PDB file of N, CA and C in Angstrom:
ATOM      1  N   UNK A   1      18.096 -21.730  -5.306  1.00  0.00           N
ATOM      2  CA  UNK A   1      17.945 -23.242  -5.211  1.00  0.00           C
ATOM      3  C   UNK A   1      18.572 -23.145  -3.426  1.00  0.00           C
ATOM      4  N   UNK A   2      17.886 -23.969  -2.704  1.00  0.00           N
ATOM      5  CA  UNK A   2      18.037 -24.264  -1.601  1.00  0.00           C
ATOM      6  C   UNK A   2      18.600 -25.929  -1.460  1.00  0.00           C
ATOM      7  N   UNK A   3      19.853 -25.843  -0.498  1.00  0.00           N
ATOM      8  CA  UNK A   3      20.415 -27.109  -0.929  1.00  0.00           C
ATOM      9  C   UNK A   3      20.434 -27.957   1.031  1.00  0.00           C
ATOM     10  N   UNK A   4      20.518 -29.153   0.792  1.00  0.00           N
ATOM     11  CA  UNK A   4      19.802 -29.763   2.566  1.00  0.00           C
ATOM     12  C   UNK A   4      21.162 -30.537   2.700  1.00  0.00           C
ATOM     13  N   UNK A   5      21.421 -31.087   3.709  1.00  0.00           N
ATOM     14  CA  UNK A   5      22.510 -31.781   4.627  1.00  0.00           C
ATOM     15  C   UNK A   5      22.597 -32.988   3.504  1.00  0.00           C
ATOM     16  N   UNK A   6      21.529 -33.931   2.870  1.00  0.00           N
ATOM     17  CA  UNK A   6      21.651 -34.538   2.180  1.00  0.00           C
ATOM     18  C   UNK A   6      22.849 -34.484   1.099  1.00  0.00           C
ATOM     19  N   UNK A   7      22.325 -33.122   0.753  1.00  0.00           N
ATOM     20  CA  UNK A   7      23.281 -33.143  -0.564  1.00  0.00           C
ATOM     21  C   UNK A   7      24.563 -32.730  -0.590  1.00  0.00           C
ATOM     22  N   UNK A   8      24.895 -32.236   0.632  1.00  0.00           N
ATOM     23  CA  UNK A   8      26.102 -32.019   1.023  1.00  0.00           C
ATOM     24  C   UNK A   8      26.999 -33.256   1.054  1.00  0.00           C
ATOM     25  N   UNK A   9      26.486 -34.260   1.848  1.00  0.00           N
ATOM     26  CA  UNK A   9      27.106 -35.655   2.113  1.00  0.00           C
ATOM     27  C   UNK A   9      26.705 -36.286   0.875  1.00  0.00           C
ATOM     28  N   UNK A  10      26.130 -36.541  -0.287  1.00  0.00           N
ATOM     29  CA  UNK A  10      26.095 -36.641  -1.212  1.00  0.00           C
ATOM     30  C   UNK A  10      27.732 -36.577  -2.200  1.00  0.00           C
ATOM     31  N   UNK A  11      27.497 -34.685  -1.903  1.00  0.00           N
ATOM     32  CA  UNK A  11      28.833 -34.572  -2.756  1.00  0.00           C
ATOM     33  C   UNK A  11      30.468 -34.918  -1.971  1.00  0.00           C
ATOM     34  N   UNK A  12      29.770 -34.939  -0.246  1.00  0.00           N
ATOM     35  CA  UNK A  12      31.479 -35.333   0.253  1.00  0.00           C
ATOM     36  C   UNK A  12      31.549 -36.606  -0.438  1.00  0.00           C
ATOM     37  N   UNK A  13      30.471 -37.734  -0.583  1.00  0.00           N
ATOM     38  CA  UNK A  13      30.836 -39.196  -0.600  1.00  0.00           C
ATOM     39  C   UNK A  13      31.383 -39.136  -2.456  1.00  0.00           C
ATOM     40  N   UNK A  14      30.879 -38.474  -2.992  1.00  0.00           N
ATOM     41  CA  UNK A  14      31.297 -38.127  -4.706  1.00  0.00           C
ATOM     42  C   UNK A  14      32.865 -38.248  -4.730  1.00  0.00           C
ATOM     43  N   UNK A  15      32.761 -36.757  -3.723  1.00  0.00           N
ATOM     44  CA  UNK A  15      34.314 -36.284  -3.506  1.00  0.00           C
ATOM     45  C   UNK A  15      35.227 -37.687  -3.043  1.00  0.00           C
ATOM     46  N   UNK A  16      35.130 -38.164  -2.060  1.00  0.00           N
ATOM     47  CA  UNK A  16      35.767 -39.215  -0.982  1.00  0.00           C
ATOM     48  C   UNK A  16      35.881 -40.788  -2.351  1.00  0.00           C
ATOM     49  N   UNK A  17      35.105 -40.940  -3.259  1.00  0.00           N
ATOM     50  CA  UNK A  17      35.031 -41.869  -4.417  1.00  0.00           C
ATOM     51  C   UNK A  17      35.733 -41.349  -5.540  1.00  0.00           C
ATOM     52  N   UNK A  18      36.060 -40.272  -5.684  1.00  0.00           N
ATOM     53  CA  UNK A  18      36.464 -39.976  -6.957  1.00  0.00           C
ATOM     54  C   UNK A  18      35.969 -39.546  -7.879  1.00  0.00           C
ATOM     55  N   UNK A  19      34.104 -39.636  -7.679  1.00  0.00           N
ATOM     56  CA  UNK A  19      33.484 -39.682  -9.020  1.00  0.00           C
ATOM     57  C   UNK A  19      33.626 -37.934  -9.216  1.00  0.00           C
ATOM     58  N   UNK A  20      33.719 -37.790 -10.503  1.00  0.00           N
ATOM     59  CA  UNK A  20      33.105 -36.440 -11.004  1.00  0.00           C
ATOM     60  C   UNK A  20      31.757 -36.008 -11.365  1.00  0.00           C
ATOM     61  N   UNK A  21      31.035 -36.632 -11.260  1.00  0.00           N
ATOM     62  CA  UNK A  21      29.577 -36.798 -11.451  1.00  0.00           C
ATOM     63  C   UNK A  21      28.450 -37.601 -10.055  1.00  0.00           C
ATOM     64  N   UNK A  22      27.099 -36.861  -9.912  1.00  0.00           N
ATOM     65  CA  UNK A  22      26.035 -37.279  -9.059  1.00  0.00           C
ATOM     66  C   UNK A  22      24.922 -36.956  -9.660  1.00  0.00           C
ATOM     67  N   UNK A  23      23.907 -37.016  -8.704  1.00  0.00           N
ATOM     68  CA  UNK A  23      22.944 -36.584  -8.826  1.00  0.00           C
ATOM     69  C   UNK A  23      22.256 -35.733  -7.700  1.00  0.00           C
ATOM     70  N   UNK A  24      21.923 -34.428  -7.775  1.00  0.00           N
ATOM     71  CA  UNK A  24      21.699 -33.762  -6.285  1.00  0.00           C
ATOM     72  C   UNK A  24      19.903 -33.340  -6.896  1.00  0.00           C
ATOM     73  N   UNK A  25      18.787 -33.768  -5.650  1.00  0.00           N
ATOM     74  CA  UNK A  25      17.689 -33.299  -6.382  1.00  0.00           C
ATOM     75  C   UNK A  25      17.047 -33.529  -7.703  1.00  0.00           C
ATOM     76  N   UNK A  26      17.462 -34.678  -8.162  1.00  0.00           N
ATOM     77  CA  UNK A  26      16.903 -35.047  -9.060  1.00  0.00           C
ATOM     78  C   UNK A  26      17.782 -34.862 -10.235  1.00  0.00           C
ATOM     79  N   UNK A  27      18.811 -33.920 -10.754  1.00  0.00           N
ATOM     80  CA  UNK A  27      19.381 -33.631 -11.995  1.00  0.00           C
ATOM     81  C   UNK A  27      20.955 -33.546 -11.954  1.00  0.00           C
ATOM     82  N   UNK A  28      21.303 -34.786 -12.569  1.00  0.00           N
ATOM     83  CA  UNK A  28      23.039 -35.713 -13.083  1.00  0.00           C
ATOM     84  C   UNK A  28      23.794 -33.587 -13.172  1.00  0.00           C
ATOM     85  N   UNK A  29      24.914 -33.609 -12.382  1.00  0.00           N
ATOM     86  CA  UNK A  29      25.310 -33.339 -12.324  1.00  0.00           C
ATOM     87  C   UNK A  29      27.260 -33.606 -12.576  1.00  0.00           C
ATOM     88  N   UNK A  30      27.761 -33.357 -13.635  1.00  0.00           N
ATOM     89  CA  UNK A  30      28.692 -32.997 -13.585  1.00  0.00           C
ATOM     90  C   UNK A  30      29.978 -32.140 -12.835  1.00  0.00           C
ATOM     91  N   UNK A  31      31.018 -32.075 -12.762  1.00  0.00           N
ATOM     92  CA  UNK A  31      32.023 -31.850 -12.509  1.00  0.00           C
ATOM     93  C   UNK A  31      33.118 -31.631 -13.054  1.00  0.00           C
ATOM     94  N   UNK A  32      33.689 -30.337 -13.519  1.00  0.00           N
ATOM     95  CA  UNK A  32      34.976 -30.282 -14.041  1.00  0.00           C
ATOM     96  C   UNK A  32      36.071 -30.835 -13.630  1.00  0.00           C
ATOM     97  N   UNK A  33      36.240 -30.768 -12.472  1.00  0.00           N
ATOM     98  CA  UNK A  33      37.215 -30.716 -11.852  1.00  0.00           C
ATOM     99  C   UNK A  33      37.403 -30.966  -9.655  1.00  0.00           C
ATOM    100  N   UNK A  34      37.923 -31.343  -9.389  1.00  0.00           N
ATOM    101  CA  UNK A  34      38.233 -31.423  -7.727  1.00  0.00           C
ATOM    102  C   UNK A  34      37.969 -30.546  -7.526  1.00  0.00           C
ATOM    103  N   UNK A  35      39.179 -29.488  -7.550  1.00  0.00           N
ATOM    104  CA  UNK A  35      38.463 -28.099  -7.286  1.00  0.00           C
ATOM    105  C   UNK A  35      36.562 -27.274  -7.242  1.00  0.00           C
ATOM    106  N   UNK A  36      36.730 -27.626  -8.258  1.00  0.00           N
ATOM    107  CA  UNK A  36      34.960 -27.167  -8.743  1.00  0.00           C
ATOM    108  C   UNK A  36      34.176 -27.685  -7.760  1.00  0.00           C
ATOM    109  N   UNK A  37      34.301 -29.145  -7.322  1.00  0.00           N
ATOM    110  CA  UNK A  37      33.760 -29.779  -7.133  1.00  0.00           C
ATOM    111  C   UNK A  37      33.827 -29.344  -4.887  1.00  0.00           C
ATOM    112  N   UNK A  38      34.766 -28.988  -4.663  1.00  0.00           N
ATOM    113  CA  UNK A  38      35.404 -28.480  -3.229  1.00  0.00           C
ATOM    114  C   UNK A  38      34.679 -27.169  -3.170  1.00  0.00           C
ATOM    115  N   UNK A  39      34.859 -26.349  -4.325  1.00  0.00           N
ATOM    116  CA  UNK A  39      34.256 -24.830  -4.331  1.00  0.00           C
ATOM    117  C   UNK A  39      32.565 -25.192  -3.808  1.00  0.00           C
ATOM    118  N   UNK A  40      32.069 -26.033  -4.540  1.00  0.00           N
ATOM    119  CA  UNK A  40      30.571 -26.353  -4.838  1.00  0.00           C
ATOM    120  C   UNK A  40      30.073 -26.815  -3.034  1.00  0.00           C
ATOM    121  N   UNK A  41      31.029 -27.606  -2.399  1.00  0.00           N
ATOM    122  CA  UNK A  41      30.873 -27.771  -1.384  1.00  0.00           C
ATOM    123  C   UNK A  41      30.623 -26.834  -0.266  1.00  0.00           C
ATOM    124  N   UNK A  42      31.639 -26.033  -0.445  1.00  0.00           N
ATOM    125  CA  UNK A  42      31.977 -25.137   0.290  1.00  0.00           C
ATOM    126  C   UNK A  42      31.080 -23.683   0.213  1.00  0.00           C
ATOM    127  N   UNK A  43      29.977 -23.852  -1.156  1.00  0.00           N
ATOM    128  CA  UNK A  43      29.245 -23.043  -1.188  1.00  0.00           C
ATOM    129  C   UNK A  43      28.082 -23.386  -0.253  1.00  0.00           C
ATOM    130  N   UNK A  44      27.597 -24.820  -0.300  1.00  0.00           N
ATOM    131  CA  UNK A  44      26.517 -25.333   0.355  1.00  0.00           C
ATOM    132  C   UNK A  44      26.520 -25.418   2.056  1.00  0.00           C
ATOM    133  N   UNK A  45      27.488 -25.543   2.127  1.00  0.00           N
ATOM    134  CA  UNK A  45      28.061 -25.656   3.528  1.00  0.00           C
ATOM    135  C   UNK A  45      28.249 -24.468   4.335  1.00  0.00           C
ATOM    136  N   UNK A  46      28.128 -23.290   3.733  1.00  0.00           N
ATOM    137  CA  UNK A  46      28.172 -21.667   4.358  1.00  0.00           C
ATOM    138  C   UNK A  46      26.341 -21.401   4.389  1.00  0.00           C
ATOM    139  N   UNK A  47      26.090 -21.596   2.970  1.00  0.00           N
ATOM    140  CA  UNK A  47      24.354 -21.877   2.722  1.00  0.00           C
ATOM    141  C   UNK A  47      23.637 -22.350   4.122  1.00  0.00           C
ATOM    142  N   UNK A  48      24.001 -23.508   4.268  1.00  0.00           N
ATOM    143  CA  UNK A  48      23.396 -24.624   4.811  1.00  0.00           C
ATOM    144  C   UNK A  48      23.821 -23.814   6.802  1.00  0.00           C
ATOM    145  N   UNK A  49      24.686 -23.246   6.620  1.00  0.00           N
ATOM    146  CA  UNK A  49      24.880 -22.871   8.178  1.00  0.00           C
ATOM    147  C   UNK A  49      24.537 -21.230   8.442  1.00  0.00           C
ATOM    148  N   UNK A  50      24.461 -20.580   7.420  1.00  0.00           N
ATOM    149  CA  UNK A  50      23.477 -19.035   7.376  1.00  0.00           C
ATOM    150  C   UNK A  50      22.205 -19.396   7.979  1.00  0.00           C
ATOM    151  N   UNK A  51      21.187 -20.519   7.652  1.00  0.00           N
ATOM    152  CA  UNK A  51      20.296 -20.402   8.208  1.00  0.00           C
ATOM    153  C   UNK A  51      20.230 -21.653   8.984  1.00  0.00           C
ATOM    154  N   UNK A  52      19.952 -21.232  10.206  1.00  0.00           N
ATOM    155  CA  UNK A  52      19.715 -22.459  11.639  1.00  0.00           C
ATOM    156  C   UNK A  52      18.270 -23.067  11.452  1.00  0.00           C
ATOM    157  N   UNK A  53      18.679 -24.321  10.684  1.00  0.00           N
ATOM    158  CA  UNK A  53      17.316 -25.209  10.966  1.00  0.00           C
ATOM    159  C   UNK A  53      16.747 -25.628  12.501  1.00  0.00           C
ATOM    160  N   UNK A  54      15.390 -25.276  12.532  1.00  0.00           N
ATOM    161  CA  UNK A  54      14.474 -25.439  13.709  1.00  0.00           C
ATOM    162  C   UNK A  54      15.125 -24.520  15.275  1.00  0.00           C
ATOM    163  N   UNK A  55      15.860 -24.057  14.529  1.00  0.00           N
ATOM    164  CA  UNK A  55      16.277 -22.911  16.122  1.00  0.00           C
ATOM    165  C   UNK A  55      14.791 -21.540  16.914  1.00  0.00           C
ATOM    166  N   UNK A  56      14.340 -21.816  17.726  1.00  0.00           N
ATOM    167  CA  UNK A  56      13.566 -20.852  17.928  1.00  0.00           C
ATOM    168  C   UNK A  56      13.839 -19.979  19.398  1.00  0.00           C
ATOM    169  N   UNK A  57      13.731 -19.589  19.569  1.00  0.00           N
ATOM    170  CA  UNK A  57      13.743 -18.377  21.060  1.00  0.00           C
ATOM    171  C   UNK A  57      12.205 -18.517  21.719  1.00  0.00           C
ATOM    172  N   UNK A  58      12.822 -18.939  22.831  1.00  0.00           N
ATOM    173  CA  UNK A  58      11.663 -18.784  24.170  1.00  0.00           C
ATOM    174  C   UNK A  58      11.991 -17.462  24.771  1.00  0.00           C
ATOM    175  N   UNK A  59      11.095 -16.516  25.726  1.00  0.00           N
ATOM    176  CA  UNK A  59      11.046 -15.380  26.033  1.00  0.00           C
ATOM    177  C   UNK A  59      10.240 -15.736  27.314  1.00  0.00           C
ATOM    178  N   UNK A  60      10.821 -15.144  28.647  1.00  0.00           N
ATOM    179  CA  UNK A  60       9.841 -15.341  30.143  1.00  0.00           C
ATOM    180  C   UNK A  60      10.094 -13.777  30.473  1.00  0.00           C
ATOM    181  N   UNK A  61       8.707 -13.644  30.698  1.00  0.00           N
ATOM    182  CA  UNK A  61       9.065 -12.230  30.871  1.00  0.00           C
ATOM    183  C   UNK A  61       9.158 -12.143  32.861  1.00  0.00           C
ATOM    184  N   UNK A  62       9.739 -11.242  33.483  1.00  0.00           N
ATOM    185  CA  UNK A  62      10.207 -11.611  34.925  1.00  0.00           C
ATOM    186  C   UNK A  62       9.726 -10.090  35.126  1.00  0.00           C
ATOM    187  N   UNK A  63       8.669 -10.311  36.345  1.00  0.00           N
ATOM    188  CA  UNK A  63       8.129  -8.696  36.769  1.00  0.00           C
ATOM    189  C   UNK A  63       8.593  -8.905  38.253  1.00  0.00           C
ATOM    190  N   UNK A  64       8.390  -7.628  38.904  1.00  0.00           N
ATOM    191  CA  UNK A  64       8.877  -7.639  40.438  1.00  0.00           C
ATOM    192  C   UNK A  64       7.370  -6.710  40.940  1.00  0.00           C
ATOM    193  N   UNK A  65       6.129  -6.620  40.181  1.00  0.00           N
ATOM    194  CA  UNK A  65       5.507  -6.015  41.253  1.00  0.00           C
ATOM    195  C   UNK A  65       4.119  -6.756  40.089  1.00  0.00           C
ATOM    196  N   UNK A  66       4.170  -8.013  39.932  1.00  0.00           N
ATOM    197  CA  UNK A  66       3.237  -8.882  39.362  1.00  0.00           C
ATOM    198  C   UNK A  66       2.418  -8.994  38.382  1.00  0.00           C
ATOM    199  N   UNK A  67       1.769  -9.579  38.119  1.00  0.00           N
ATOM    200  CA  UNK A  67       1.227  -9.779  36.416  1.00  0.00           C
ATOM    201  C   UNK A  67       0.008  -9.945  36.437  1.00  0.00           C
TER     202      UNK A  67
END
């Protein structure tokens, strides 16, 4: 399942409110403990940081004899 930054923000908000359930991607998710919520948030953040969105690399060739 691909997570979004909105999913991470929703989970952070639920943790801040002290809620034990929330809706992610149209599914209601209930957590047993704050520890489980924090572990899930860490997993989401790790996945988001592993896939850089919108990054591209541009190369410019350099020549000394013309092109």
